[in-house]
Amino acid sequence: MSRLASQFERLWALHKGPALTKEVTFFPGRRFRFDYAHQAINGFKAAIELDGGVFVGGRHSRGMGQVRDAEKGRLAAYSGWNVIHFTTKCLTLENIRQAVDWFWKKIRERA
C-alpha cells in the first residue's frame, strides 16, 4: 500500500467515514478502477481517487495520464458516480472531515 493510501485510510477511519471498497471497477468493458468507492443500497455512488505524483512528474501530471483521467471522469459521470480527488497536498484532517461529512449527508438524504 502506498504512503498516500495509508494516510488516507488513517484519516478516513479517524473521522468515521462510511465503509469503502478498494479498487472498484465501475464501467463494463473498461479496466478503469476507483481507488476507493462506496455504493449505498439507496443508489448513492461515490468514489475517492488518490492522485499521487502530481509534483514529481507522475502519471497524473503527464499528457496521456491526463487524457486517461479525463476519459475515466467522463465515464464515471455518465454512470452516475460522484468522484472526489485528493492529491498529497489535499490530504488534510479538514479536507477528509469535509468529505466524510458530505458522504454521510448524501447517504442520509437518500435514506
PDB file of N, CA and C in Angstrom:
ATOM      1  N   MET A   1       0.841  -1.170   0.000  1.00  0.00           N
ATOM      2  CA  MET A   1       0.000   0.000   0.000  1.00  0.00           C
ATOM      3  C   MET A   1       0.891   1.240   0.000  1.00  0.00           C
ATOM      4  N   SER A   2       0.508   2.233  -0.769  1.00  0.00           N
ATOM      5  CA  SER A   2       1.300   3.458  -0.848  1.00  0.00           C
ATOM      6  C   SER A   2       1.164   4.278   0.436  1.00  0.00           C
ATOM      7  N   ARG A   3       2.109   5.154   0.626  1.00  0.00           N
ATOM      8  CA  ARG A   3       2.062   6.060   1.775  1.00  0.00           C
ATOM      9  C   ARG A   3       0.813   6.941   1.719  1.00  0.00           C
ATOM     10  N   LEU A   4       0.468   7.380   0.511  1.00  0.00           N
ATOM     11  CA  LEU A   4      -0.718   8.215   0.312  1.00  0.00           C
ATOM     12  C   LEU A   4      -1.976   7.451   0.722  1.00  0.00           C
ATOM     13  N   ALA A   5      -2.092   6.193   0.293  1.00  0.00           N
ATOM     14  CA  ALA A   5      -3.259   5.370   0.638  1.00  0.00           C
ATOM     15  C   ALA A   5      -3.314   5.115   2.143  1.00  0.00           C
ATOM     16  N   SER A   6      -2.179   4.836   2.752  1.00  0.00           N
ATOM     17  CA  SER A   6      -2.139   4.610   4.205  1.00  0.00           C
ATOM     18  C   SER A   6      -2.607   5.839   4.966  1.00  0.00           C
ATOM     19  N   GLN A   7      -2.129   6.988   4.534  1.00  0.00           N
ATOM     20  CA  GLN A   7      -2.523   8.240   5.192  1.00  0.00           C
ATOM     21  C   GLN A   7      -4.016   8.483   5.008  1.00  0.00           C
ATOM     22  N   PHE A   8      -4.524   8.276   3.785  1.00  0.00           N
ATOM     23  CA  PHE A   8      -5.952   8.461   3.538  1.00  0.00           C
ATOM     24  C   PHE A   8      -6.781   7.540   4.439  1.00  0.00           C
ATOM     25  N   GLU A   9      -6.439   6.269   4.484  1.00  0.00           N
ATOM     26  CA  GLU A   9      -7.208   5.305   5.274  1.00  0.00           C
ATOM     27  C   GLU A   9      -7.189   5.660   6.764  1.00  0.00           C
ATOM     28  N   ARG A  10      -6.055   6.123   7.238  1.00  0.00           N
ATOM     29  CA  ARG A  10      -5.959   6.527   8.649  1.00  0.00           C
ATOM     30  C   ARG A  10      -6.882   7.704   8.939  1.00  0.00           C
ATOM     31  N   LEU A  11      -6.852   8.716   8.077  1.00  0.00           N
ATOM     32  CA  LEU A  11      -7.695   9.895   8.277  1.00  0.00           C
ATOM     33  C   LEU A  11      -9.179   9.556   8.104  1.00  0.00           C
ATOM     34  N   TRP A  12      -9.490   8.704   7.145  1.00  0.00           N
ATOM     35  CA  TRP A  12     -10.895   8.305   6.898  1.00  0.00           C
ATOM     36  C   TRP A  12     -11.441   7.586   8.140  1.00  0.00           C
ATOM     37  N   ALA A  13     -10.661   6.680   8.693  1.00  0.00           N
ATOM     38  CA  ALA A  13     -11.087   5.939   9.888  1.00  0.00           C
ATOM     39  C   ALA A  13     -11.208   6.885  11.091  1.00  0.00           C
ATOM     40  N   LEU A  14     -10.282   7.820  11.218  1.00  0.00           N
ATOM     41  CA  LEU A  14     -10.310   8.784  12.315  1.00  0.00           C
ATOM     42  C   LEU A  14     -11.625   9.557  12.333  1.00  0.00           C
ATOM     43  N   HIS A  15     -12.122   9.908  11.144  1.00  0.00           N
ATOM     44  CA  HIS A  15     -13.367  10.679  11.019  1.00  0.00           C
ATOM     45  C   HIS A  15     -14.602   9.789  10.885  1.00  0.00           C
ATOM     46  N   LYS A  16     -14.411   8.479  11.023  1.00  0.00           N
ATOM     47  CA  LYS A  16     -15.511   7.516  10.968  1.00  0.00           C
ATOM     48  C   LYS A  16     -16.305   7.601   9.656  1.00  0.00           C
ATOM     49  N   GLY A  17     -15.544   7.592   8.556  1.00  0.00           N
ATOM     50  CA  GLY A  17     -16.165   7.598   7.241  1.00  0.00           C
ATOM     51  C   GLY A  17     -16.874   6.276   6.968  1.00  0.00           C
ATOM     52  N   PRO A  18     -17.842   6.277   6.047  1.00  0.00           N
ATOM     53  CA  PRO A  18     -18.540   5.035   5.716  1.00  0.00           C
ATOM     54  C   PRO A  18     -17.590   4.023   5.090  1.00  0.00           C
ATOM     55  N   ALA A  19     -17.999   2.768   5.128  1.00  0.00           N
ATOM     56  CA  ALA A  19     -17.173   1.692   4.569  1.00  0.00           C
ATOM     57  C   ALA A  19     -16.878   1.957   3.097  1.00  0.00           C
ATOM     58  N   LEU A  20     -15.638   1.703   2.715  1.00  0.00           N
ATOM     59  CA  LEU A  20     -15.205   1.868   1.327  1.00  0.00           C
ATOM     60  C   LEU A  20     -14.655   0.541   0.824  1.00  0.00           C
ATOM     61  N   THR A  21     -14.826   0.315  -0.468  1.00  0.00           N
ATOM     62  CA  THR A  21     -14.246  -0.847  -1.129  1.00  0.00           C
ATOM     63  C   THR A  21     -13.090  -0.357  -1.981  1.00  0.00           C
ATOM     64  N   LYS A  22     -11.978  -1.092  -1.962  1.00  0.00           N
ATOM     65  CA  LYS A  22     -10.795  -0.701  -2.737  1.00  0.00           C
ATOM     66  C   LYS A  22     -10.876  -1.260  -4.153  1.00  0.00           C
ATOM     67  N   GLU A  23     -10.265  -0.522  -5.082  1.00  0.00           N
ATOM     68  CA  GLU A  23     -10.058  -0.979  -6.464  1.00  0.00           C
ATOM     69  C   GLU A  23     -11.353  -1.456  -7.130  1.00  0.00           C
ATOM     70  N   VAL A  24     -12.322  -0.575  -7.227  1.00  0.00           N
ATOM     71  CA  VAL A  24     -13.636  -0.908  -7.775  1.00  0.00           C
ATOM     72  C   VAL A  24     -13.685  -0.599  -9.271  1.00  0.00           C
ATOM     73  N   THR A  25     -13.967  -1.639 -10.061  1.00  0.00           N
ATOM     74  CA  THR A  25     -14.202  -1.460 -11.499  1.00  0.00           C
ATOM     75  C   THR A  25     -15.623  -0.953 -11.656  1.00  0.00           C
ATOM     76  N   PHE A  26     -15.815   0.084 -12.474  1.00  0.00           N
ATOM     77  CA  PHE A  26     -17.131   0.719 -12.495  1.00  0.00           C
ATOM     78  C   PHE A  26     -17.787   0.820 -13.866  1.00  0.00           C
ATOM     79  N   PHE A  27     -17.076   0.511 -14.943  1.00  0.00           N
ATOM     80  CA  PHE A  27     -17.667   0.680 -16.272  1.00  0.00           C
ATOM     81  C   PHE A  27     -17.450  -0.597 -17.076  1.00  0.00           C
ATOM     82  N   PRO A  28     -18.535  -1.248 -17.487  1.00  0.00           N
ATOM     83  CA  PRO A  28     -18.410  -2.525 -18.214  1.00  0.00           C
ATOM     84  C   PRO A  28     -17.536  -2.394 -19.462  1.00  0.00           C
ATOM     85  N   GLY A  29     -16.671  -3.356 -19.642  1.00  0.00           N
ATOM     86  CA  GLY A  29     -15.810  -3.375 -20.819  1.00  0.00           C
ATOM     87  C   GLY A  29     -14.555  -2.530 -20.700  1.00  0.00           C
ATOM     88  N   ARG A  30     -14.406  -1.821 -19.591  1.00  0.00           N
ATOM     89  CA  ARG A  30     -13.207  -0.995 -19.373  1.00  0.00           C
ATOM     90  C   ARG A  30     -12.522  -1.436 -18.095  1.00  0.00           C
ATOM     91  N   ARG A  31     -11.234  -1.229 -18.026  1.00  0.00           N
ATOM     92  CA  ARG A  31     -10.478  -1.640 -16.845  1.00  0.00           C
ATOM     93  C   ARG A  31     -10.287  -0.510 -15.841  1.00  0.00           C
ATOM     94  N   PHE A  32     -10.945   0.623 -16.064  1.00  0.00           N
ATOM     95  CA  PHE A  32     -10.841   1.731 -15.114  1.00  0.00           C
ATOM     96  C   PHE A  32     -11.327   1.276 -13.741  1.00  0.00           C
ATOM     97  N   ARG A  33     -10.574   1.680 -12.710  1.00  0.00           N
ATOM     98  CA  ARG A  33     -10.959   1.362 -11.335  1.00  0.00           C
ATOM     99  C   ARG A  33     -10.827   2.610 -10.484  1.00  0.00           C
ATOM    100  N   PHE A  34     -11.711   2.695  -9.486  1.00  0.00           N
ATOM    101  CA  PHE A  34     -11.583   3.738  -8.476  1.00  0.00           C
ATOM    102  C   PHE A  34     -10.672   3.225  -7.373  1.00  0.00           C
ATOM    103  N   ASP A  35      -9.908   4.121  -6.764  1.00  0.00           N
ATOM    104  CA  ASP A  35      -9.081   3.727  -5.630  1.00  0.00           C
ATOM    105  C   ASP A  35      -9.962   3.227  -4.491  1.00  0.00           C
ATOM    106  N   TYR A  36     -11.027   3.974  -4.202  1.00  0.00           N
ATOM    107  CA  TYR A  36     -11.981   3.615  -3.153  1.00  0.00           C
ATOM    108  C   TYR A  36     -13.376   3.993  -3.636  1.00  0.00           C
ATOM    109  N   ALA A  37     -14.367   3.185  -3.282  1.00  0.00           N
ATOM    110  CA  ALA A  37     -15.733   3.503  -3.690  1.00  0.00           C
ATOM    111  C   ALA A  37     -16.722   3.066  -2.626  1.00  0.00           C
ATOM    112  N   HIS A  38     -17.863   3.745  -2.633  1.00  0.00           N
ATOM    113  CA  HIS A  38     -18.968   3.413  -1.735  1.00  0.00           C
ATOM    114  C   HIS A  38     -20.237   3.375  -2.581  1.00  0.00           C
ATOM    115  N   GLN A  39     -20.937   2.262  -2.519  1.00  0.00           N
ATOM    116  CA  GLN A  39     -22.218   2.135  -3.210  1.00  0.00           C
ATOM    117  C   GLN A  39     -23.273   1.784  -2.174  1.00  0.00           C
ATOM    118  N   ALA A  40     -24.100   2.752  -1.830  1.00  0.00           N
ATOM    119  CA  ALA A  40     -25.147   2.521  -0.845  1.00  0.00           C
ATOM    120  C   ALA A  40     -26.336   1.831  -1.518  1.00  0.00           C
ATOM    121  N   ILE A  41     -27.089   1.084  -0.742  1.00  0.00           N
ATOM    122  CA  ILE A  41     -28.241   0.380  -1.303  1.00  0.00           C
ATOM    123  C   ILE A  41     -29.322   1.346  -1.774  1.00  0.00           C
ATOM    124  N   ASN A  42     -29.225   2.600  -1.359  1.00  0.00           N
ATOM    125  CA  ASN A  42     -30.206   3.598  -1.784  1.00  0.00           C
ATOM    126  C   ASN A  42     -29.831   4.257  -3.116  1.00  0.00           C
ATOM    127  N   GLY A  43     -28.789   3.768  -3.775  1.00  0.00           N
ATOM    128  CA  GLY A  43     -28.416   4.292  -5.086  1.00  0.00           C
ATOM    129  C   GLY A  43     -27.299   5.315  -5.095  1.00  0.00           C
ATOM    130  N   PHE A  44     -26.893   5.785  -3.931  1.00  0.00           N
ATOM    131  CA  PHE A  44     -25.799   6.749  -3.864  1.00  0.00           C
ATOM    132  C   PHE A  44     -24.483   6.055  -4.218  1.00  0.00           C
ATOM    133  N   LYS A  45     -23.747   6.632  -5.160  1.00  0.00           N
ATOM    134  CA  LYS A  45     -22.462   6.070  -5.593  1.00  0.00           C
ATOM    135  C   LYS A  45     -21.414   7.174  -5.561  1.00  0.00           C
ATOM    136  N   ALA A  46     -20.365   6.947  -4.780  1.00  0.00           N
ATOM    137  CA  ALA A  46     -19.295   7.937  -4.700  1.00  0.00           C
ATOM    138  C   ALA A  46     -17.954   7.223  -4.623  1.00  0.00           C
ATOM    139  N   ALA A  47     -16.947   7.886  -5.149  1.00  0.00           N
ATOM    140  CA  ALA A  47     -15.610   7.303  -5.193  1.00  0.00           C
ATOM    141  C   ALA A  47     -14.577   8.323  -4.747  1.00  0.00           C
ATOM    142  N   ILE A  48     -13.471   7.785  -4.263  1.00  0.00           N
ATOM    143  CA  ILE A  48     -12.308   8.593  -3.880  1.00  0.00           C
ATOM    144  C   ILE A  48     -11.157   8.188  -4.799  1.00  0.00           C
ATOM    145  N   GLU A  49     -10.519   9.166  -5.387  1.00  0.00           N
ATOM    146  CA  GLU A  49      -9.332   8.944  -6.198  1.00  0.00           C
ATOM    147  C   GLU A  49      -8.157   9.654  -5.544  1.00  0.00           C
ATOM    148  N   LEU A  50      -7.078   8.925  -5.325  1.00  0.00           N
ATOM    149  CA  LEU A  50      -5.855   9.489  -4.776  1.00  0.00           C
ATOM    150  C   LEU A  50      -4.879   9.714  -5.925  1.00  0.00           C
ATOM    151  N   ASP A  51      -4.636  10.970  -6.231  1.00  0.00           N
ATOM    152  CA  ASP A  51      -3.778  11.340  -7.359  1.00  0.00           C
ATOM    153  C   ASP A  51      -2.386  11.674  -6.849  1.00  0.00           C
ATOM    154  N   GLY A  52      -1.556  10.656  -6.723  1.00  0.00           N
ATOM    155  CA  GLY A  52      -0.195  10.849  -6.257  1.00  0.00           C
ATOM    156  C   GLY A  52       0.737  11.226  -7.390  1.00  0.00           C
ATOM    157  N   GLY A  53       1.876  11.716  -7.044  1.00  0.00           N
ATOM    158  CA  GLY A  53       2.912  12.018  -8.032  1.00  0.00           C
ATOM    159  C   GLY A  53       2.671  13.240  -8.887  1.00  0.00           C
ATOM    160  N   VAL A  54       1.739  14.120  -8.488  1.00  0.00           N
ATOM    161  CA  VAL A  54       1.449  15.278  -9.337  1.00  0.00           C
ATOM    162  C   VAL A  54       2.569  16.307  -9.330  1.00  0.00           C
ATOM    163  N   PHE A  55       3.431  16.269  -8.321  1.00  0.00           N
ATOM    164  CA  PHE A  55       4.516  17.256  -8.236  1.00  0.00           C
ATOM    165  C   PHE A  55       5.857  16.699  -8.705  1.00  0.00           C
ATOM    166  N   VAL A  56       5.888  15.426  -9.042  1.00  0.00           N
ATOM    167  CA  VAL A  56       7.160  14.810  -9.439  1.00  0.00           C
ATOM    168  C   VAL A  56       7.076  14.174 -10.831  1.00  0.00           C
ATOM    169  N   GLY A  57       6.148  14.634 -11.633  1.00  0.00           N
ATOM    170  CA  GLY A  57       6.031  14.105 -12.990  1.00  0.00           C
ATOM    171  C   GLY A  57       5.416  12.719 -13.052  1.00  0.00           C
ATOM    172  N   GLY A  58       4.561  12.402 -12.091  1.00  0.00           N
ATOM    173  CA  GLY A  58       3.891  11.103 -12.083  1.00  0.00           C
ATOM    174  C   GLY A  58       2.825  10.995 -13.164  1.00  0.00           C
ATOM    175  N   ARG A  59       2.169   9.853 -13.213  1.00  0.00           N
ATOM    176  CA  ARG A  59       1.184   9.567 -14.252  1.00  0.00           C
ATOM    177  C   ARG A  59       0.084  10.620 -14.343  1.00  0.00           C
ATOM    178  N   HIS A  60      -0.364  11.143 -13.213  1.00  0.00           N
ATOM    179  CA  HIS A  60      -1.476  12.090 -13.228  1.00  0.00           C
ATOM    180  C   HIS A  60      -1.091  13.458 -13.790  1.00  0.00           C
ATOM    181  N   SER A  61       0.189  13.727 -13.927  1.00  0.00           N
ATOM    182  CA  SER A  61       0.598  15.039 -14.423  1.00  0.00           C
ATOM    183  C   SER A  61       1.158  14.998 -15.843  1.00  0.00           C
ATOM    184  N   ARG A  62       1.272  13.805 -16.435  1.00  0.00           N
ATOM    185  CA  ARG A  62       1.770  13.698 -17.813  1.00  0.00           C
ATOM    186  C   ARG A  62       0.596  13.703 -18.789  1.00  0.00           C
ATOM    187  N   GLY A  63       0.881  14.014 -20.024  1.00  0.00           N
ATOM    188  CA  GLY A  63      -0.134  14.165 -21.057  1.00  0.00           C
ATOM    189  C   GLY A  63      -1.111  13.008 -21.174  1.00  0.00           C
ATOM    190  N   MET A  64      -0.621  11.791 -21.425  1.00  0.00           N
ATOM    191  CA  MET A  64      -1.529  10.653 -21.603  1.00  0.00           C
ATOM    192  C   MET A  64      -2.236  10.292 -20.299  1.00  0.00           C
ATOM    193  N   GLY A  65      -1.597  10.538 -19.168  1.00  0.00           N
ATOM    194  CA  GLY A  65      -2.263  10.318 -17.885  1.00  0.00           C
ATOM    195  C   GLY A  65      -3.453  11.245 -17.725  1.00  0.00           C
ATOM    196  N   GLN A  66      -3.266  12.498 -18.147  1.00  0.00           N
ATOM    197  CA  GLN A  66      -4.370  13.465 -18.114  1.00  0.00           C
ATOM    198  C   GLN A  66      -5.504  13.033 -19.042  1.00  0.00           C
ATOM    199  N   VAL A  67      -5.156  12.559 -20.229  1.00  0.00           N
ATOM    200  CA  VAL A  67      -6.162  12.112 -21.193  1.00  0.00           C
ATOM    201  C   VAL A  67      -6.969  10.943 -20.608  1.00  0.00           C
ATOM    202  N   ARG A  68      -6.276   9.961 -20.039  1.00  0.00           N
ATOM    203  CA  ARG A  68      -6.965   8.800 -19.450  1.00  0.00           C
ATOM    204  C   ARG A  68      -7.807   9.195 -18.247  1.00  0.00           C
ATOM    205  N   ASP A  69      -7.296  10.099 -17.417  1.00  0.00           N
ATOM    206  CA  ASP A  69      -8.062  10.560 -16.262  1.00  0.00           C
ATOM    207  C   ASP A  69      -9.330  11.285 -16.712  1.00  0.00           C
ATOM    208  N   ALA A  70      -9.238  12.074 -17.785  1.00  0.00           N
ATOM    209  CA  ALA A  70     -10.412  12.772 -18.303  1.00  0.00           C
ATOM    210  C   ALA A  70     -11.449  11.779 -18.818  1.00  0.00           C
ATOM    211  N   GLU A  71     -10.999  10.760 -19.547  1.00  0.00           N
ATOM    212  CA  GLU A  71     -11.928   9.740 -20.036  1.00  0.00           C
ATOM    213  C   GLU A  71     -12.579   9.003 -18.872  1.00  0.00           C
ATOM    214  N   LYS A  72     -11.783   8.628 -17.902  1.00  0.00           N
ATOM    215  CA  LYS A  72     -12.298   7.935 -16.718  1.00  0.00           C
ATOM    216  C   LYS A  72     -13.343   8.803 -16.012  1.00  0.00           C
ATOM    217  N   GLY A  73     -13.070  10.090 -15.873  1.00  0.00           N
ATOM    218  CA  GLY A  73     -14.003  11.010 -15.230  1.00  0.00           C
ATOM    219  C   GLY A  73     -15.319  11.122 -15.971  1.00  0.00           C
ATOM    220  N   ARG A  74     -15.250  11.186 -17.296  1.00  0.00           N
ATOM    221  CA  ARG A  74     -16.481  11.257 -18.092  1.00  0.00           C
ATOM    222  C   ARG A  74     -17.314   9.990 -17.931  1.00  0.00           C
ATOM    223  N   LEU A  75     -16.659   8.822 -18.044  1.00  0.00           N
ATOM    224  CA  LEU A  75     -17.384   7.557 -17.916  1.00  0.00           C
ATOM    225  C   LEU A  75     -17.990   7.417 -16.515  1.00  0.00           C
ATOM    226  N   ALA A  76     -17.289   7.889 -15.507  1.00  0.00           N
ATOM    227  CA  ALA A  76     -17.827   7.854 -14.147  1.00  0.00           C
ATOM    228  C   ALA A  76     -19.075   8.725 -14.047  1.00  0.00           C
ATOM    229  N   ALA A  77     -19.009   9.925 -14.583  1.00  0.00           N
ATOM    230  CA  ALA A  77     -20.161  10.832 -14.540  1.00  0.00           C
ATOM    231  C   ALA A  77     -21.349  10.243 -15.299  1.00  0.00           C
ATOM    232  N   TYR A  78     -21.095   9.697 -16.474  1.00  0.00           N
ATOM    233  CA  TYR A  78     -22.170   9.088 -17.264  1.00  0.00           C
ATOM    234  C   TYR A  78     -22.831   7.935 -16.515  1.00  0.00           C
ATOM    235  N   SER A  79     -22.079   7.299 -15.619  1.00  0.00           N
ATOM    236  CA  SER A  79     -22.576   6.147 -14.865  1.00  0.00           C
ATOM    237  C   SER A  79     -23.164   6.539 -13.506  1.00  0.00           C
ATOM    238  N   GLY A  80     -23.243   7.830 -13.237  1.00  0.00           N
ATOM    239  CA  GLY A  80     -23.872   8.294 -12.008  1.00  0.00           C
ATOM    240  C   GLY A  80     -22.974   8.347 -10.783  1.00  0.00           C
ATOM    241  N   TRP A  81     -21.660   8.305 -10.994  1.00  0.00           N
ATOM    242  CA  TRP A  81     -20.722   8.345  -9.878  1.00  0.00           C
ATOM    243  C   TRP A  81     -20.355   9.775  -9.525  1.00  0.00           C
ATOM    244  N   ASN A  82     -20.212  10.041  -8.250  1.00  0.00           N
ATOM    245  CA  ASN A  82     -19.633  11.267  -7.719  1.00  0.00           C
ATOM    246  C   ASN A  82     -18.194  10.921  -7.365  1.00  0.00           C
ATOM    247  N   VAL A  83     -17.238  11.671  -7.864  1.00  0.00           N
ATOM    248  CA  VAL A  83     -15.831  11.344  -7.635  1.00  0.00           C
ATOM    249  C   VAL A  83     -15.125  12.524  -6.967  1.00  0.00           C
ATOM    250  N   ILE A  84     -14.436  12.227  -5.878  1.00  0.00           N
ATOM    251  CA  ILE A  84     -13.656  13.231  -5.148  1.00  0.00           C
ATOM    252  C   ILE A  84     -12.185  12.880  -5.303  1.00  0.00           C
ATOM    253  N   HIS A  85     -11.388  13.857  -5.704  1.00  0.00           N
ATOM    254  CA  HIS A  85      -9.949  13.651  -5.909  1.00  0.00           C
ATOM    255  C   HIS A  85      -9.158  14.285  -4.775  1.00  0.00           C
ATOM    256  N   PHE A  86      -8.131  13.574  -4.348  1.00  0.00           N
ATOM    257  CA  PHE A  86      -7.186  14.092  -3.370  1.00  0.00           C
ATOM    258  C   PHE A  86      -5.778  13.920  -3.913  1.00  0.00           C
ATOM    259  N   THR A  87      -4.966  14.971  -3.790  1.00  0.00           N
ATOM    260  CA  THR A  87      -3.533  14.871  -4.043  1.00  0.00           C
ATOM    261  C   THR A  87      -2.843  14.797  -2.679  1.00  0.00           C
ATOM    262  N   THR A  88      -1.540  14.638  -2.684  1.00  0.00           N
ATOM    263  CA  THR A  88      -0.821  14.580  -1.413  1.00  0.00           C
ATOM    264  C   THR A  88      -1.037  15.858  -0.600  1.00  0.00           C
ATOM    265  N   LYS A  89      -1.088  16.996  -1.250  1.00  0.00           N
ATOM    266  CA  LYS A  89      -1.277  18.273  -0.552  1.00  0.00           C
ATOM    267  C   LYS A  89      -2.704  18.455  -0.050  1.00  0.00           C
ATOM    268  N   CYS A  90      -3.658  17.757  -0.631  1.00  0.00           N
ATOM    269  CA  CYS A  90      -5.071  17.864  -0.236  1.00  0.00           C
ATOM    270  C   CYS A  90      -5.441  16.957   0.925  1.00  0.00           C
ATOM    271  N   LEU A  91      -4.602  16.021   1.239  1.00  0.00           N
ATOM    272  CA  LEU A  91      -4.911  15.013   2.246  1.00  0.00           C
ATOM    273  C   LEU A  91      -4.667  15.578   3.647  1.00  0.00           C
ATOM    274  N   THR A  92      -5.628  16.399   4.108  1.00  0.00           N
ATOM    275  CA  THR A  92      -5.528  17.028   5.423  1.00  0.00           C
ATOM    276  C   THR A  92      -6.699  16.589   6.285  1.00  0.00           C
ATOM    277  N   LEU A  93      -6.569  16.767   7.593  1.00  0.00           N
ATOM    278  CA  LEU A  93      -7.667  16.458   8.511  1.00  0.00           C
ATOM    279  C   LEU A  93      -8.956  17.152   8.096  1.00  0.00           C
ATOM    280  N   GLU A  94      -8.860  18.431   7.791  1.00  0.00           N
ATOM    281  CA  GLU A  94     -10.049  19.210   7.439  1.00  0.00           C
ATOM    282  C   GLU A  94     -10.676  18.731   6.125  1.00  0.00           C
ATOM    283  N   ASN A  95      -9.868  18.496   5.111  1.00  0.00           N
ATOM    284  CA  ASN A  95     -10.420  18.054   3.829  1.00  0.00           C
ATOM    285  C   ASN A  95     -11.081  16.682   3.935  1.00  0.00           C
ATOM    286  N   ILE A  96     -10.485  15.790   4.696  1.00  0.00           N
ATOM    287  CA  ILE A  96     -11.094  14.463   4.869  1.00  0.00           C
ATOM    288  C   ILE A  96     -12.363  14.583   5.698  1.00  0.00           C
ATOM    289  N   ARG A  97     -12.349  15.425   6.722  1.00  0.00           N
ATOM    290  CA  ARG A  97     -13.567  15.638   7.512  1.00  0.00           C
ATOM    291  C   ARG A  97     -14.702  16.134   6.630  1.00  0.00           C
ATOM    292  N   GLN A  98     -14.404  17.090   5.745  1.00  0.00           N
ATOM    293  CA  GLN A  98     -15.432  17.602   4.829  1.00  0.00           C
ATOM    294  C   GLN A  98     -15.961  16.502   3.920  1.00  0.00           C
ATOM    295  N   ALA A  99     -15.073  15.664   3.418  1.00  0.00           N
ATOM    296  CA  ALA A  99     -15.501  14.574   2.540  1.00  0.00           C
ATOM    297  C   ALA A  99     -16.374  13.575   3.296  1.00  0.00           C
ATOM    298  N   VAL A 100     -15.961  13.201   4.496  1.00  0.00           N
ATOM    299  CA  VAL A 100     -16.747  12.258   5.303  1.00  0.00           C
ATOM    300  C   VAL A 100     -18.122  12.853   5.597  1.00  0.00           C
ATOM    301  N   ASP A 101     -18.159  14.118   5.991  1.00  0.00           N
ATOM    302  CA  ASP A 101     -19.440  14.775   6.253  1.00  0.00           C
ATOM    303  C   ASP A 101     -20.322  14.748   5.015  1.00  0.00           C
ATOM    304  N   TRP A 102     -19.762  15.032   3.842  1.00  0.00           N
ATOM    305  CA  TRP A 102     -20.514  15.035   2.601  1.00  0.00           C
ATOM    306  C   TRP A 102     -21.049  13.634   2.290  1.00  0.00           C
ATOM    307  N   PHE A 103     -20.209  12.607   2.441  1.00  0.00           N
ATOM    308  CA  PHE A 103     -20.653  11.233   2.212  1.00  0.00           C
ATOM    309  C   PHE A 103     -21.862  10.915   3.087  1.00  0.00           C
ATOM    310  N   TRP A 104     -21.750  11.159   4.402  1.00  0.00           N
ATOM    311  CA  TRP A 104     -22.847  10.826   5.311  1.00  0.00           C
ATOM    312  C   TRP A 104     -24.096  11.633   4.993  1.00  0.00           C
ATOM    313  N   LYS A 105     -23.935  12.889   4.612  1.00  0.00           N
ATOM    314  CA  LYS A 105     -25.097  13.722   4.252  1.00  0.00           C
ATOM    315  C   LYS A 105     -25.818  13.114   3.044  1.00  0.00           C
ATOM    316  N   LYS A 106     -25.074  12.748   2.021  1.00  0.00           N
ATOM    317  CA  LYS A 106     -25.683  12.180   0.813  1.00  0.00           C
ATOM    318  C   LYS A 106     -26.343  10.828   1.109  1.00  0.00           C
ATOM    319  N   ILE A 107     -25.735  10.043   1.960  1.00  0.00           N
ATOM    320  CA  ILE A 107     -26.310   8.745   2.320  1.00  0.00           C
ATOM    321  C   ILE A 107     -27.634   8.963   3.062  1.00  0.00           C
ATOM    322  N   ARG A 108     -27.662   9.913   4.006  1.00  0.00           N
ATOM    323  CA  ARG A 108     -28.891  10.188   4.756  1.00  0.00           C
ATOM    324  C   ARG A 108     -29.981  10.772   3.866  1.00  0.00           C
ATOM    325  N   GLU A 109     -29.605  11.646   2.918  1.00  0.00           N
ATOM    326  CA  GLU A 109     -30.604  12.266   2.038  1.00  0.00           C
ATOM    327  C   GLU A 109     -31.370  11.229   1.220  1.00  0.00           C
ATOM    328  N   ARG A 110     -30.716  10.131   0.890  1.00  0.00           N
ATOM    329  CA  ARG A 110     -31.346   9.115   0.047  1.00  0.00           C
ATOM    330  C   ARG A 110     -31.998   7.996   0.849  1.00  0.00           C
ATOM    331  N   ALA A 111     -31.894   8.098   2.175  1.00  0.00           N
ATOM    332  CA  ALA A 111     -32.476   7.032   3.026  1.00  0.00           C
ATOM    333  C   ALA A 111     -34.001   7.099   3.051  1.00  0.00           C
TER     334      ALA A 111
END
